[in-house]
Amino acid sequence: MEYFFIWKSLKSGTSIGANVEESQSAQSTADFVHKLEIALKEGRETKYWLRLLIASELISEDRLLPILGEINELIQIIAAIVVKTKQNRQQ
């Protein structure tokens, strides 16, 4: 079970970067926002899997809390970009 949680967190965690990278070659503003919104979903999923790892005590909380902090920062940054892009699109 430990490997399943680790695999899922690795999969969703790396998908954040992949979707951000894909957004850089978006075909439109809507496509750019869509790809970043997928990255946000993957960020939230990563947080979920990391919290499960902590709750199951498979990996110590001390090791995962810094990673959770970084995921939260990434989510805030990406969310701010999405909000600003949507505001600019409406003007």
N, C-alpha and C. Protein backbone atom coordinates (compact mmCIF):
# COMPACT_ATOMS: atom_id res chain seq x y z
N MET A 1 0.82 -1.19 0.00
CA MET A 1 0.00 0.00 0.00
C MET A 1 0.87 1.26 0.00
N GLU A 2 1.99 1.21 0.67
CA GLU A 2 2.89 2.36 0.71
C GLU A 2 3.29 2.79 -0.69
N TYR A 3 3.62 1.80 -1.53
CA TYR A 3 4.07 2.13 -2.88
C TYR A 3 2.95 2.73 -3.71
N PHE A 4 1.72 2.30 -3.46
CA PHE A 4 0.57 2.86 -4.17
C PHE A 4 0.43 4.35 -3.87
N PHE A 5 0.47 4.71 -2.59
CA PHE A 5 0.36 6.12 -2.20
C PHE A 5 1.51 6.94 -2.77
N ILE A 6 2.69 6.39 -2.70
CA ILE A 6 3.87 7.10 -3.22
C ILE A 6 3.74 7.27 -4.73
N TRP A 7 3.33 6.20 -5.42
CA TRP A 7 3.16 6.26 -6.87
C TRP A 7 2.13 7.32 -7.26
N LYS A 8 0.98 7.33 -6.56
CA LYS A 8 -0.07 8.29 -6.88
C LYS A 8 0.39 9.74 -6.64
N SER A 9 1.11 9.96 -5.54
CA SER A 9 1.58 11.32 -5.26
C SER A 9 2.65 11.73 -6.27
N LEU A 10 3.49 10.80 -6.68
CA LEU A 10 4.51 11.10 -7.69
C LEU A 10 3.85 11.41 -9.03
N LYS A 11 2.86 10.62 -9.39
CA LYS A 11 2.17 10.80 -10.67
C LYS A 11 1.48 12.16 -10.73
N SER A 12 0.69 12.48 -9.71
CA SER A 12 -0.02 13.76 -9.73
C SER A 12 0.94 14.94 -9.53
N GLY A 13 1.96 14.73 -8.72
CA GLY A 13 2.94 15.80 -8.47
C GLY A 13 3.72 16.19 -9.71
N THR A 14 4.12 15.20 -10.50
CA THR A 14 4.86 15.52 -11.72
C THR A 14 3.94 16.05 -12.81
N SER A 15 2.66 15.73 -12.71
CA SER A 15 1.70 16.24 -13.69
C SER A 15 1.51 17.75 -13.55
N ILE A 16 1.73 18.28 -12.36
CA ILE A 16 1.63 19.74 -12.18
C ILE A 16 2.61 20.42 -13.13
N GLY A 17 3.85 20.02 -13.07
CA GLY A 17 4.88 20.62 -13.92
C GLY A 17 4.63 20.38 -15.39
N ALA A 18 4.16 19.18 -15.73
CA ALA A 18 3.89 18.87 -17.13
C ALA A 18 2.80 19.77 -17.69
N ASN A 19 1.77 20.01 -16.92
CA ASN A 19 0.69 20.88 -17.40
C ASN A 19 1.09 22.34 -17.45
N VAL A 20 1.89 22.79 -16.50
CA VAL A 20 2.41 24.15 -16.56
C VAL A 20 3.28 24.30 -17.81
N GLU A 21 4.11 23.32 -18.07
CA GLU A 21 4.96 23.36 -19.27
C GLU A 21 4.10 23.39 -20.54
N GLU A 22 3.06 22.57 -20.58
CA GLU A 22 2.16 22.55 -21.72
C GLU A 22 1.46 23.90 -21.91
N SER A 23 1.17 24.58 -20.81
CA SER A 23 0.48 25.87 -20.92
C SER A 23 1.33 26.90 -21.66
N GLN A 24 2.63 26.70 -21.64
CA GLN A 24 3.53 27.65 -22.30
C GLN A 24 3.41 27.61 -23.82
N SER A 25 2.84 26.54 -24.35
CA SER A 25 2.63 26.46 -25.79
C SER A 25 1.15 26.36 -26.12
N ALA A 26 0.33 26.97 -25.27
CA ALA A 26 -1.12 26.95 -25.47
C ALA A 26 -1.48 27.64 -26.78
N GLN A 27 -2.55 27.17 -27.38
CA GLN A 27 -2.98 27.72 -28.66
C GLN A 27 -3.86 28.96 -28.51
N SER A 28 -4.33 29.20 -27.30
CA SER A 28 -5.17 30.37 -27.04
C SER A 28 -5.12 30.68 -25.55
N THR A 29 -5.68 31.81 -25.19
CA THR A 29 -5.75 32.16 -23.77
C THR A 29 -6.61 31.15 -23.02
N ALA A 30 -7.70 30.72 -23.64
CA ALA A 30 -8.58 29.73 -23.01
C ALA A 30 -7.83 28.41 -22.79
N ASP A 31 -7.03 28.01 -23.76
CA ASP A 31 -6.23 26.79 -23.64
C ASP A 31 -5.18 26.94 -22.54
N PHE A 32 -4.57 28.11 -22.45
CA PHE A 32 -3.59 28.41 -21.40
C PHE A 32 -4.23 28.24 -20.02
N VAL A 33 -5.39 28.86 -19.84
CA VAL A 33 -6.10 28.78 -18.56
C VAL A 33 -6.50 27.34 -18.27
N HIS A 34 -6.99 26.65 -19.27
CA HIS A 34 -7.42 25.26 -19.08
C HIS A 34 -6.28 24.38 -18.59
N LYS A 35 -5.12 24.50 -19.20
CA LYS A 35 -3.98 23.69 -18.80
C LYS A 35 -3.53 24.03 -17.36
N LEU A 36 -3.57 25.29 -17.01
CA LEU A 36 -3.22 25.67 -15.64
C LEU A 36 -4.26 25.19 -14.64
N GLU A 37 -5.53 25.17 -15.04
CA GLU A 37 -6.56 24.65 -14.15
C GLU A 37 -6.38 23.15 -13.92
N ILE A 38 -5.91 22.43 -14.93
CA ILE A 38 -5.58 21.02 -14.75
C ILE A 38 -4.43 20.89 -13.76
N ALA A 39 -3.43 21.75 -13.89
CA ALA A 39 -2.30 21.73 -12.95
C ALA A 39 -2.79 21.97 -11.52
N LEU A 40 -3.77 22.86 -11.34
CA LEU A 40 -4.34 23.10 -10.01
C LEU A 40 -5.01 21.85 -9.46
N LYS A 41 -5.77 21.16 -10.31
CA LYS A 41 -6.41 19.92 -9.88
C LYS A 41 -5.38 18.88 -9.46
N GLU A 42 -4.31 18.79 -10.23
CA GLU A 42 -3.25 17.83 -9.90
C GLU A 42 -2.56 18.22 -8.60
N GLY A 43 -2.43 19.52 -8.35
CA GLY A 43 -1.85 19.98 -7.10
C GLY A 43 -2.70 19.58 -5.91
N ARG A 44 -4.01 19.76 -6.05
CA ARG A 44 -4.91 19.36 -4.97
C ARG A 44 -4.89 17.85 -4.76
N GLU A 45 -4.80 17.10 -5.85
CA GLU A 45 -4.71 15.64 -5.72
C GLU A 45 -3.41 15.23 -5.03
N THR A 46 -2.33 15.90 -5.36
CA THR A 46 -1.04 15.61 -4.71
C THR A 46 -1.12 15.86 -3.21
N LYS A 47 -1.75 16.98 -2.83
CA LYS A 47 -1.94 17.25 -1.40
C LYS A 47 -2.71 16.12 -0.72
N TYR A 48 -3.73 15.63 -1.38
CA TYR A 48 -4.53 14.54 -0.84
C TYR A 48 -3.67 13.30 -0.57
N TRP A 49 -2.89 12.89 -1.57
CA TRP A 49 -2.05 11.69 -1.41
C TRP A 49 -0.99 11.89 -0.34
N LEU A 50 -0.41 13.07 -0.27
CA LEU A 50 0.59 13.32 0.77
C LEU A 50 -0.04 13.30 2.16
N ARG A 51 -1.24 13.84 2.29
CA ARG A 51 -1.92 13.79 3.59
C ARG A 51 -2.25 12.35 3.98
N LEU A 52 -2.60 11.52 2.99
CA LEU A 52 -2.84 10.10 3.28
C LEU A 52 -1.55 9.41 3.74
N LEU A 53 -0.45 9.75 3.12
CA LEU A 53 0.83 9.18 3.55
C LEU A 53 1.14 9.57 4.99
N ILE A 54 0.85 10.81 5.35
CA ILE A 54 1.07 11.25 6.73
C ILE A 54 0.13 10.51 7.67
N ALA A 55 -1.15 10.46 7.32
CA ALA A 55 -2.14 9.82 8.19
C ALA A 55 -1.86 8.34 8.39
N SER A 56 -1.35 7.69 7.36
CA SER A 56 -1.06 6.26 7.47
C SER A 56 0.27 5.99 8.18
N GLU A 57 1.01 7.07 8.44
CA GLU A 57 2.31 6.98 9.10
C GLU A 57 3.32 6.14 8.31
N LEU A 58 3.12 6.09 6.99
CA LEU A 58 4.08 5.37 6.14
C LEU A 58 5.35 6.17 5.95
N ILE A 59 5.21 7.49 5.93
CA ILE A 59 6.36 8.40 5.86
C ILE A 59 6.14 9.44 6.94
N SER A 60 7.19 9.81 7.62
CA SER A 60 7.05 10.72 8.75
C SER A 60 6.53 12.08 8.30
N GLU A 61 5.73 12.66 9.17
CA GLU A 61 5.16 13.98 8.91
C GLU A 61 6.26 15.01 8.71
N ASP A 62 7.35 14.90 9.46
CA ASP A 62 8.47 15.84 9.34
C ASP A 62 9.03 15.88 7.92
N ARG A 63 9.02 14.75 7.24
CA ARG A 63 9.56 14.70 5.88
C ARG A 63 8.59 15.26 4.85
N LEU A 64 7.28 15.15 5.12
CA LEU A 64 6.30 15.55 4.12
C LEU A 64 5.76 16.96 4.30
N LEU A 65 5.82 17.51 5.49
CA LEU A 65 5.30 18.87 5.70
C LEU A 65 5.97 19.92 4.82
N PRO A 66 7.30 19.87 4.65
CA PRO A 66 7.91 20.86 3.74
C PRO A 66 7.41 20.71 2.29
N ILE A 67 7.19 19.48 1.88
CA ILE A 67 6.68 19.25 0.52
C ILE A 67 5.26 19.77 0.40
N LEU A 68 4.44 19.53 1.42
CA LEU A 68 3.08 20.07 1.41
C LEU A 68 3.09 21.59 1.34
N GLY A 69 4.02 22.20 2.06
CA GLY A 69 4.16 23.66 2.00
C GLY A 69 4.48 24.15 0.60
N GLU A 70 5.36 23.43 -0.06
CA GLU A 70 5.73 23.82 -1.43
C GLU A 70 4.57 23.61 -2.40
N ILE A 71 3.82 22.54 -2.21
CA ILE A 71 2.65 22.30 -3.06
C ILE A 71 1.64 23.43 -2.86
N ASN A 72 1.43 23.83 -1.61
CA ASN A 72 0.51 24.94 -1.34
C ASN A 72 0.97 26.22 -2.03
N GLU A 73 2.26 26.48 -2.00
CA GLU A 73 2.80 27.67 -2.67
C GLU A 73 2.57 27.60 -4.18
N LEU A 74 2.83 26.43 -4.76
CA LEU A 74 2.61 26.26 -6.20
C LEU A 74 1.15 26.49 -6.55
N ILE A 75 0.26 25.93 -5.75
CA ILE A 75 -1.17 26.10 -6.00
C ILE A 75 -1.55 27.58 -5.95
N GLN A 76 -1.03 28.30 -4.96
CA GLN A 76 -1.33 29.73 -4.85
C GLN A 76 -0.80 30.52 -6.05
N ILE A 77 0.39 30.19 -6.49
CA ILE A 77 0.98 30.90 -7.63
C ILE A 77 0.18 30.62 -8.90
N ILE A 78 -0.11 29.36 -9.15
CA ILE A 78 -0.86 28.99 -10.36
C ILE A 78 -2.26 29.59 -10.31
N ALA A 79 -2.90 29.53 -9.15
CA ALA A 79 -4.25 30.10 -9.02
C ALA A 79 -4.23 31.60 -9.29
N ALA A 80 -3.22 32.29 -8.81
CA ALA A 80 -3.11 33.74 -9.05
C ALA A 80 -2.95 34.02 -10.55
N ILE A 81 -2.18 33.21 -11.23
CA ILE A 81 -2.01 33.39 -12.68
C ILE A 81 -3.33 33.17 -13.40
N VAL A 82 -4.07 32.14 -13.00
CA VAL A 82 -5.36 31.86 -13.63
C VAL A 82 -6.33 33.03 -13.40
N VAL A 83 -6.42 33.50 -12.18
CA VAL A 83 -7.34 34.61 -11.86
C VAL A 83 -6.95 35.85 -12.67
N LYS A 84 -5.68 36.21 -12.68
CA LYS A 84 -5.22 37.41 -13.39
C LYS A 84 -5.47 37.27 -14.90
N THR A 85 -5.20 36.09 -15.44
CA THR A 85 -5.42 35.87 -16.87
C THR A 85 -6.89 36.00 -17.21
N LYS A 86 -7.76 35.45 -16.38
CA LYS A 86 -9.21 35.57 -16.63
C LYS A 86 -9.66 37.03 -16.53
N GLN A 87 -9.12 37.77 -15.57
CA GLN A 87 -9.47 39.20 -15.44
C GLN A 87 -9.03 39.97 -16.66
N ASN A 88 -7.81 39.70 -17.13
CA ASN A 88 -7.29 40.40 -18.31
C ASN A 88 -8.08 40.06 -19.56
N ARG A 89 -8.58 38.84 -19.63
CA ARG A 89 -9.36 38.40 -20.78
C ARG A 89 -10.71 39.12 -20.85
N GLN A 90 -11.25 39.48 -19.70
CA GLN A 90 -12.55 40.14 -19.64
C GLN A 90 -12.46 41.63 -19.99
N GLN A 91 -11.27 42.19 -19.95
CA GLN A 91 -11.13 43.63 -20.23
C GLN A 91 -11.11 43.94 -21.70
